[in-house]
Amino acid sequence: MGHTLFASDGMFVLFTFLPIIFYLVLTVFAIYVVIKVIKFMNEKTRLDRERNEKLTEIIKVLNQDKKD
């Protein structure tokens, strides 16, 4: 009639949902890493553009000095 829940039953339930929890955590971690990489690459691209602009200005100044 009444069903008694033993500790082993709780472990069985835990092991049943463990793969689902593992895949969920892994998916969330993967999404987090992808977002961080995208943000990093966007920042790197912006900084590279700024550096290239500064280098272009330096080259122009150096070329003008050579002509003078």
PDB file of N, CA and C in Angstrom:
ATOM      1  N   MET A   1       0.827  -1.183   0.000  1.00  0.00           N
ATOM      2  CA  MET A   1       0.000   0.000   0.000  1.00  0.00           C
ATOM      3  C   MET A   1       0.872   1.247   0.000  1.00  0.00           C
ATOM      4  N   GLY A   2       1.526   1.520   1.134  1.00  0.00           N
ATOM      5  CA  GLY A   2       2.401   2.689   1.185  1.00  0.00           C
ATOM      6  C   GLY A   2       3.767   2.326   0.643  1.00  0.00           C
ATOM      7  N   HIS A   3       4.339   3.244  -0.073  1.00  0.00           N
ATOM      8  CA  HIS A   3       5.656   2.997  -0.650  1.00  0.00           C
ATOM      9  C   HIS A   3       6.697   3.788   0.131  1.00  0.00           C
ATOM     10  N   THR A   4       7.696   3.104   0.612  1.00  0.00           N
ATOM     11  CA  THR A   4       8.751   3.757   1.373  1.00  0.00           C
ATOM     12  C   THR A   4       9.885   4.119   0.430  1.00  0.00           C
ATOM     13  N   LEU A   5      10.353   5.361   0.528  1.00  0.00           N
ATOM     14  CA  LEU A   5      11.447   5.818  -0.322  1.00  0.00           C
ATOM     15  C   LEU A   5      12.754   5.566   0.415  1.00  0.00           C
ATOM     16  N   PHE A   6      13.563   4.710  -0.159  1.00  0.00           N
ATOM     17  CA  PHE A   6      14.843   4.394   0.437  1.00  0.00           C
ATOM     18  C   PHE A   6      15.919   5.314  -0.135  1.00  0.00           C
ATOM     19  N   ALA A   7      17.056   5.382   0.540  1.00  0.00           N
ATOM     20  CA  ALA A   7      18.165   6.216   0.081  1.00  0.00           C
ATOM     21  C   ALA A   7      18.650   5.755  -1.285  1.00  0.00           C
ATOM     22  N   SER A   8      18.607   4.470  -1.527  1.00  0.00           N
ATOM     23  CA  SER A   8      19.059   3.955  -2.821  1.00  0.00           C
ATOM     24  C   SER A   8      18.142   4.422  -3.944  1.00  0.00           C
ATOM     25  N   ASP A   9      16.847   4.597  -3.649  1.00  0.00           N
ATOM     26  CA  ASP A   9      15.922   5.112  -4.657  1.00  0.00           C
ATOM     27  C   ASP A   9      16.284   6.556  -5.019  1.00  0.00           C
ATOM     28  N   GLY A  10      16.675   7.349  -4.042  1.00  0.00           N
ATOM     29  CA  GLY A  10      17.084   8.727  -4.301  1.00  0.00           C
ATOM     30  C   GLY A  10      18.330   8.784  -5.161  1.00  0.00           C
ATOM     31  N   MET A  11      19.264   7.876  -4.909  1.00  0.00           N
ATOM     32  CA  MET A  11      20.472   7.825  -5.732  1.00  0.00           C
ATOM     33  C   MET A  11      20.128   7.434  -7.165  1.00  0.00           C
ATOM     34  N   PHE A  12      19.179   6.513  -7.316  1.00  0.00           N
ATOM     35  CA  PHE A  12      18.757   6.096  -8.651  1.00  0.00           C
ATOM     36  C   PHE A  12      18.155   7.276  -9.408  1.00  0.00           C
ATOM     37  N   VAL A  13      17.339   8.055  -8.716  1.00  0.00           N
ATOM     38  CA  VAL A  13      16.740   9.241  -9.332  1.00  0.00           C
ATOM     39  C   VAL A  13      17.833  10.243  -9.713  1.00  0.00           C
ATOM     40  N   LEU A  14      18.824  10.412  -8.822  1.00  0.00           N
ATOM     41  CA  LEU A  14      19.929  11.328  -9.114  1.00  0.00           C
ATOM     42  C   LEU A  14      20.695  10.868 -10.342  1.00  0.00           C
ATOM     43  N   PHE A  15      21.019   9.585 -10.409  1.00  0.00           N
ATOM     44  CA  PHE A  15      21.760   9.069 -11.557  1.00  0.00           C
ATOM     45  C   PHE A  15      20.931   9.110 -12.831  1.00  0.00           C
ATOM     46  N   THR A  16      19.616   9.089 -12.712  1.00  0.00           N
ATOM     47  CA  THR A  16      18.765   9.187 -13.884  1.00  0.00           C
ATOM     48  C   THR A  16      18.845  10.581 -14.490  1.00  0.00           C
ATOM     49  N   PHE A  17      18.845  11.607 -13.644  1.00  0.00           N
ATOM     50  CA  PHE A  17      18.859  12.976 -14.145  1.00  0.00           C
ATOM     51  C   PHE A  17      20.261  13.549 -14.306  1.00  0.00           C
ATOM     52  N   LEU A  18      21.266  12.835 -13.852  1.00  0.00           N
ATOM     53  CA  LEU A  18      22.638  13.331 -13.932  1.00  0.00           C
ATOM     54  C   LEU A  18      23.087  13.629 -15.366  1.00  0.00           C
ATOM     55  N   PRO A  19      22.844  12.761 -16.345  1.00  0.00           N
ATOM     56  CA  PRO A  19      23.251  13.100 -17.717  1.00  0.00           C
ATOM     57  C   PRO A  19      22.543  14.343 -18.266  1.00  0.00           C
ATOM     58  N   ILE A  20      21.278  14.499 -17.920  1.00  0.00           N
ATOM     59  CA  ILE A  20      20.527  15.674 -18.390  1.00  0.00           C
ATOM     60  C   ILE A  20      21.119  16.933 -17.776  1.00  0.00           C
ATOM     61  N   ILE A  21      21.407  16.883 -16.485  1.00  0.00           N
ATOM     62  CA  ILE A  21      22.012  18.037 -15.811  1.00  0.00           C
ATOM     63  C   ILE A  21      23.389  18.316 -16.391  1.00  0.00           C
ATOM     64  N   PHE A  22      24.175  17.257 -16.643  1.00  0.00           N
ATOM     65  CA  PHE A  22      25.509  17.417 -17.212  1.00  0.00           C
ATOM     66  C   PHE A  22      25.448  18.086 -18.573  1.00  0.00           C
ATOM     67  N   TYR A  23      24.566  17.620 -19.455  1.00  0.00           N
ATOM     68  CA  TYR A  23      24.452  18.216 -20.786  1.00  0.00           C
ATOM     69  C   TYR A  23      23.948  19.655 -20.710  1.00  0.00           C
ATOM     70  N   LEU A  24      23.061  19.939 -19.782  1.00  0.00           N
ATOM     71  CA  LEU A  24      22.558  21.298 -19.615  1.00  0.00           C
ATOM     72  C   LEU A  24      23.689  22.230 -19.176  1.00  0.00           C
ATOM     73  N   VAL A  25      24.477  21.804 -18.189  1.00  0.00           N
ATOM     74  CA  VAL A  25      25.608  22.612 -17.727  1.00  0.00           C
ATOM     75  C   VAL A  25      26.625  22.784 -18.848  1.00  0.00           C
ATOM     76  N   LEU A  26      26.901  21.721 -19.585  1.00  0.00           N
ATOM     77  CA  LEU A  26      27.858  21.784 -20.693  1.00  0.00           C
ATOM     78  C   LEU A  26      27.374  22.742 -21.778  1.00  0.00           C
ATOM     79  N   THR A  27      26.093  22.719 -22.083  1.00  0.00           N
ATOM     80  CA  THR A  27      25.534  23.621 -23.096  1.00  0.00           C
ATOM     81  C   THR A  27      25.620  25.069 -22.642  1.00  0.00           C
ATOM     82  N   VAL A  28      25.286  25.337 -21.403  1.00  0.00           N
ATOM     83  CA  VAL A  28      25.360  26.702 -20.874  1.00  0.00           C
ATOM     84  C   VAL A  28      26.807  27.188 -20.896  1.00  0.00           C
ATOM     85  N   PHE A  29      27.737  26.333 -20.513  1.00  0.00           N
ATOM     86  CA  PHE A  29      29.157  26.698 -20.530  1.00  0.00           C
ATOM     87  C   PHE A  29      29.621  26.984 -21.954  1.00  0.00           C
ATOM     88  N   ALA A  30      29.207  26.168 -22.906  1.00  0.00           N
ATOM     89  CA  ALA A  30      29.597  26.382 -24.307  1.00  0.00           C
ATOM     90  C   ALA A  30      29.058  27.714 -24.827  1.00  0.00           C
ATOM     91  N   ILE A  31      27.822  28.037 -24.508  1.00  0.00           N
ATOM     92  CA  ILE A  31      27.234  29.308 -24.928  1.00  0.00           C
ATOM     93  C   ILE A  31      27.997  30.469 -24.299  1.00  0.00           C
ATOM     94  N   TYR A  32      28.347  30.345 -23.029  1.00  0.00           N
ATOM     95  CA  TYR A  32      29.114  31.376 -22.333  1.00  0.00           C
ATOM     96  C   TYR A  32      30.470  31.596 -23.009  1.00  0.00           C
ATOM     97  N   VAL A  33      31.152  30.509 -23.339  1.00  0.00           N
ATOM     98  CA  VAL A  33      32.472  30.617 -23.984  1.00  0.00           C
ATOM     99  C   VAL A  33      32.343  31.276 -25.352  1.00  0.00           C
ATOM    100  N   VAL A  34      31.352  30.893 -26.119  1.00  0.00           N
ATOM    101  CA  VAL A  34      31.165  31.480 -27.452  1.00  0.00           C
ATOM    102  C   VAL A  34      30.903  32.978 -27.344  1.00  0.00           C
ATOM    103  N   ILE A  35      30.077  33.394 -26.406  1.00  0.00           N
ATOM    104  CA  ILE A  35      29.788  34.824 -26.228  1.00  0.00           C
ATOM    105  C   ILE A  35      31.046  35.569 -25.824  1.00  0.00           C
ATOM    106  N   LYS A  36      31.838  35.004 -24.903  1.00  0.00           N
ATOM    107  CA  LYS A  36      33.080  35.662 -24.478  1.00  0.00           C
ATOM    108  C   LYS A  36      34.070  35.776 -25.637  1.00  0.00           C
ATOM    109  N   VAL A  37      34.174  34.741 -26.456  1.00  0.00           N
ATOM    110  CA  VAL A  37      35.094  34.771 -27.601  1.00  0.00           C
ATOM    111  C   VAL A  37      34.649  35.823 -28.606  1.00  0.00           C
ATOM    112  N   ILE A  38      33.365  35.919 -28.862  1.00  0.00           N
ATOM    113  CA  ILE A  38      32.856  36.915 -29.806  1.00  0.00           C
ATOM    114  C   ILE A  38      33.139  38.322 -29.291  1.00  0.00           C
ATOM    115  N   LYS A  39      32.893  38.566 -28.013  1.00  0.00           N
ATOM    116  CA  LYS A  39      33.183  39.886 -27.442  1.00  0.00           C
ATOM    117  C   LYS A  39      34.667  40.204 -27.534  1.00  0.00           C
ATOM    118  N   PHE A  40      35.520  39.214 -27.225  1.00  0.00           N
ATOM    119  CA  PHE A  40      36.958  39.420 -27.298  1.00  0.00           C
ATOM    120  C   PHE A  40      37.387  39.746 -28.726  1.00  0.00           C
ATOM    121  N   MET A  41      36.884  39.008 -29.685  1.00  0.00           N
ATOM    122  CA  MET A  41      37.279  39.232 -31.082  1.00  0.00           C
ATOM    123  C   MET A  41      36.796  40.597 -31.577  1.00  0.00           C
ATOM    124  N   ASN A  42      35.620  41.032 -31.176  1.00  0.00           N
ATOM    125  CA  ASN A  42      35.141  42.353 -31.565  1.00  0.00           C
ATOM    126  C   ASN A  42      36.040  43.449 -30.994  1.00  0.00           C
ATOM    127  N   GLU A  43      36.421  43.307 -29.738  1.00  0.00           N
ATOM    128  CA  GLU A  43      37.314  44.285 -29.110  1.00  0.00           C
ATOM    129  C   GLU A  43      38.681  44.272 -29.784  1.00  0.00           C
ATOM    130  N   LYS A  44      39.178  43.087 -30.098  1.00  0.00           N
ATOM    131  CA  LYS A  44      40.482  42.969 -30.755  1.00  0.00           C
ATOM    132  C   LYS A  44      40.438  43.615 -32.138  1.00  0.00           C
ATOM    133  N   THR A  45      39.383  43.403 -32.872  1.00  0.00           N
ATOM    134  CA  THR A  45      39.244  44.009 -34.196  1.00  0.00           C
ATOM    135  C   THR A  45      39.238  45.527 -34.088  1.00  0.00           C
ATOM    136  N   ARG A  46      38.514  46.060 -33.120  1.00  0.00           N
ATOM    137  CA  ARG A  46      38.468  47.513 -32.932  1.00  0.00           C
ATOM    138  C   ARG A  46      39.855  48.064 -32.590  1.00  0.00           C
ATOM    139  N   LEU A  47      40.550  47.405 -31.691  1.00  0.00           N
ATOM    140  CA  LEU A  47      41.881  47.866 -31.310  1.00  0.00           C
ATOM    141  C   LEU A  47      42.882  47.735 -32.466  1.00  0.00           C
ATOM    142  N   ASP A  48      42.746  46.680 -33.261  1.00  0.00           N
ATOM    143  CA  ASP A  48      43.616  46.523 -34.433  1.00  0.00           C
ATOM    144  C   ASP A  48      43.378  47.636 -35.449  1.00  0.00           C
ATOM    145  N   ARG A  49      42.132  48.020 -35.650  1.00  0.00           N
ATOM    146  CA  ARG A  49      41.833  49.123 -36.576  1.00  0.00           C
ATOM    147  C   ARG A  49      42.473  50.425 -36.087  1.00  0.00           C
ATOM    148  N   GLU A  50      42.334  50.681 -34.785  1.00  0.00           N
ATOM    149  CA  GLU A  50      42.944  51.891 -34.228  1.00  0.00           C
ATOM    150  C   GLU A  50      44.459  51.875 -34.401  1.00  0.00           C
ATOM    151  N   ARG A  51      45.083  50.736 -34.152  1.00  0.00           N
ATOM    152  CA  ARG A  51      46.527  50.618 -34.312  1.00  0.00           C
ATOM    153  C   ARG A  51      46.939  50.836 -35.764  1.00  0.00           C
ATOM    154  N   ASN A  52      46.183  50.263 -36.687  1.00  0.00           N
ATOM    155  CA  ASN A  52      46.499  50.435 -38.111  1.00  0.00           C
ATOM    156  C   ASN A  52      46.363  51.892 -38.539  1.00  0.00           C
ATOM    157  N   GLU A  53      45.356  52.588 -38.016  1.00  0.00           N
ATOM    158  CA  GLU A  53      45.204  54.004 -38.335  1.00  0.00           C
ATOM    159  C   GLU A  53      46.385  54.812 -37.812  1.00  0.00           C
ATOM    160  N   LYS A  54      46.820  54.513 -36.614  1.00  0.00           N
ATOM    161  CA  LYS A  54      47.972  55.219 -36.044  1.00  0.00           C
ATOM    162  C   LYS A  54      49.239  54.924 -36.839  1.00  0.00           C
ATOM    163  N   LEU A  55      49.409  53.676 -37.243  1.00  0.00           N
ATOM    164  CA  LEU A  55      50.576  53.321 -38.056  1.00  0.00           C
ATOM    165  C   LEU A  55      50.556  54.037 -39.400  1.00  0.00           C
ATOM    166  N   THR A  56      49.383  54.165 -39.985  1.00  0.00           N
ATOM    167  CA  THR A  56      49.253  54.881 -41.257  1.00  0.00           C
ATOM    168  C   THR A  56      49.644  56.344 -41.077  1.00  0.00           C
ATOM    169  N   GLU A  57      49.221  56.950 -39.978  1.00  0.00           N
ATOM    170  CA  GLU A  57      49.590  58.339 -39.711  1.00  0.00           C
ATOM    171  C   GLU A  57      51.097  58.476 -39.517  1.00  0.00           C
ATOM    172  N   ILE A  58      51.695  57.531 -38.808  1.00  0.00           N
ATOM    173  CA  ILE A  58      53.149  57.578 -38.594  1.00  0.00           C
ATOM    174  C   ILE A  58      53.883  57.438 -39.924  1.00  0.00           C
ATOM    175  N   ILE A  59      53.429  56.537 -40.769  1.00  0.00           N
ATOM    176  CA  ILE A  59      54.067  56.354 -42.076  1.00  0.00           C
ATOM    177  C   ILE A  59      53.950  57.624 -42.908  1.00  0.00           C
ATOM    178  N   LYS A  60      52.802  58.276 -42.876  1.00  0.00           N
ATOM    179  CA  LYS A  60      52.627  59.522 -43.631  1.00  0.00           C
ATOM    180  C   LYS A  60      53.594  60.588 -43.135  1.00  0.00           C
ATOM    181  N   VAL A  61      53.725  60.699 -41.828  1.00  0.00           N
ATOM    182  CA  VAL A  61      54.633  61.703 -41.262  1.00  0.00           C
ATOM    183  C   VAL A  61      56.075  61.386 -41.645  1.00  0.00           C
ATOM    184  N   LEU A  62      56.460  60.138 -41.580  1.00  0.00           N
ATOM    185  CA  LEU A  62      57.819  59.748 -41.949  1.00  0.00           C
ATOM    186  C   LEU A  62      58.088  59.995 -43.429  1.00  0.00           C
ATOM    187  N   ASN A  63      57.130  59.733 -44.288  1.00  0.00           N
ATOM    188  CA  ASN A  63      57.292  59.984 -45.719  1.00  0.00           C
ATOM    189  C   ASN A  63      57.420  61.462 -46.003  1.00  0.00           C
ATOM    190  N   GLN A  64      56.678  62.292 -45.275  1.00  0.00           N
ATOM    191  CA  GLN A  64      56.782  63.737 -45.473  1.00  0.00           C
ATOM    192  C   GLN A  64      58.157  64.241 -45.044  1.00  0.00           C
ATOM    193  N   ASP A  65      58.708  63.667 -43.972  1.00  0.00           N
ATOM    194  CA  ASP A  65      60.033  64.055 -43.508  1.00  0.00           C
ATOM    195  C   ASP A  65      61.099  63.688 -44.528  1.00  0.00           C
ATOM    196  N   LYS A  66      60.941  62.569 -45.204  1.00  0.00           N
ATOM    197  CA  LYS A  66      61.904  62.140 -46.217  1.00  0.00           C
ATOM    198  C   LYS A  66      61.879  63.086 -47.419  1.00  0.00           C
ATOM    199  N   LYS A  67      60.697  63.556 -47.782  1.00  0.00           N
ATOM    200  CA  LYS A  67      60.561  64.448 -48.942  1.00  0.00           C
ATOM    201  C   LYS A  67      61.167  65.812 -48.657  1.00  0.00           C
ATOM    202  N   ASP A  68      61.138  66.223 -47.405  1.00  0.00           N
ATOM    203  CA  ASP A  68      61.659  67.556 -47.047  1.00  0.00           C
ATOM    204  C   ASP A  68      63.132  67.595 -46.960  1.00  0.00           C
TER     205      ASP A  68
END
